[in-house]
């Protein structure tokens, strides 16, 4: 049995099922908010649970305040 578990193409099960794991990090993304404009952010990690993939993003306000949020992948788009 191989000790290589992860690949940039997803796990063996994901490749067989035809789905692909999210891209590598860090990556520039847009946060999509229903109540406002898109927010530029830096995606620093992915996580997966029973509800699907979530992205860990860092973004800054104009005031300089830094935010770290975990958001569903549907709320993120590549920049």
Protein backbone atom coordinates (compact mmCIF):
# COMPACT_ATOMS: atom_id res chain seq x y z
CA UNK A 1 0.00 0.00 0.00
CA UNK A 2 1.34 3.43 -0.92
CA UNK A 3 2.16 5.98 1.74
CA UNK A 4 1.30 8.75 -0.73
CA UNK A 5 -2.17 9.83 0.32
CA UNK A 6 -2.63 13.31 -1.15
CA UNK A 7 -2.18 14.56 -4.69
CA UNK A 8 -2.82 17.91 -6.39
CA UNK A 9 -5.43 15.98 -8.39
CA UNK A 10 -7.35 14.89 -5.29
CA UNK A 11 -7.54 11.55 -3.57
CA UNK A 12 -7.86 8.36 -5.56
CA UNK A 13 -11.52 8.14 -4.54
CA UNK A 14 -12.19 11.70 -5.77
CA UNK A 15 -10.45 11.02 -9.07
CA UNK A 16 -12.46 7.84 -9.58
CA UNK A 17 -15.69 9.67 -8.72
CA UNK A 18 -14.78 12.41 -11.21
CA UNK A 19 -14.53 15.21 -8.67
CA UNK A 20 -11.48 17.22 -8.06
CA UNK A 21 -10.17 18.56 -4.81
CA UNK A 22 -9.78 22.36 -4.60
CA UNK A 23 -6.55 23.98 -5.76
CA UNK A 24 -3.43 24.45 -3.73
CA UNK A 25 -2.98 27.46 -1.46
CA UNK A 26 -2.26 30.32 -1.02
CA UNK A 27 -4.36 31.83 -3.75
CA UNK A 28 -6.06 35.17 -4.38
CA UNK A 29 -9.86 34.91 -4.31
CA UNK A 30 -12.97 37.05 -4.18
CA UNK A 31 -15.40 36.66 -1.29
CA UNK A 32 -18.96 36.94 -2.61
CA UNK A 33 -21.35 38.61 -0.18
CA UNK A 34 -25.06 38.84 -0.93
CA UNK A 35 -25.25 42.11 1.03
CA UNK A 36 -22.34 43.98 -0.58
CA UNK A 37 -19.46 44.14 -3.03
CA UNK A 38 -16.91 41.41 -3.66
CA UNK A 39 -14.05 41.42 -1.16
CA UNK A 40 -10.48 40.57 -2.25
CA UNK A 41 -8.93 37.92 0.01
CA UNK A 42 -6.14 35.39 0.30
CA UNK A 43 -7.15 31.73 0.53
CA UNK A 44 -4.75 30.02 2.93
CA UNK A 45 -6.30 26.56 3.45
CA UNK A 46 -9.14 24.22 2.51
CA UNK A 47 -11.08 21.94 4.81
CA UNK A 48 -13.83 19.42 4.15
CA UNK A 49 -16.63 18.11 6.33
CA UNK A 50 -19.96 16.40 5.72
CA UNK A 51 -21.43 19.60 4.20
CA UNK A 52 -18.61 20.05 1.66
CA UNK A 53 -15.50 22.16 1.14
CA UNK A 54 -14.74 25.37 3.04
CA UNK A 55 -12.01 27.91 2.43
CA UNK A 56 -9.98 29.61 5.16
CA UNK A 57 -9.49 33.18 3.96
CA UNK A 58 -7.74 36.29 5.23
CA UNK A 59 -8.89 39.76 4.24
CA UNK A 60 -8.36 43.31 5.44
CA UNK A 61 -10.69 46.28 5.91
CA UNK A 62 -9.70 49.76 4.75
CA UNK A 63 -9.13 50.56 8.43
CA UNK A 64 -6.38 47.92 8.58
CA UNK A 65 -8.39 45.42 10.64
CA UNK A 66 -7.52 41.84 9.53
CA UNK A 67 -10.14 39.09 9.38
CA UNK A 68 -9.74 35.31 9.24
CA UNK A 69 -12.91 33.48 8.19
CA UNK A 70 -13.92 29.99 7.19
CA UNK A 71 -16.43 30.25 4.33
CA UNK A 72 -18.24 27.70 2.14
CA UNK A 73 -16.56 27.22 -1.24
CA UNK A 74 -19.70 28.60 -2.95
CA UNK A 75 -18.88 32.03 -1.46
CA UNK A 76 -15.39 32.10 -3.04
CA UNK A 77 -14.26 32.75 -6.62
CA UNK A 78 -10.73 32.82 -8.10
CA UNK A 79 -9.43 36.36 -8.58
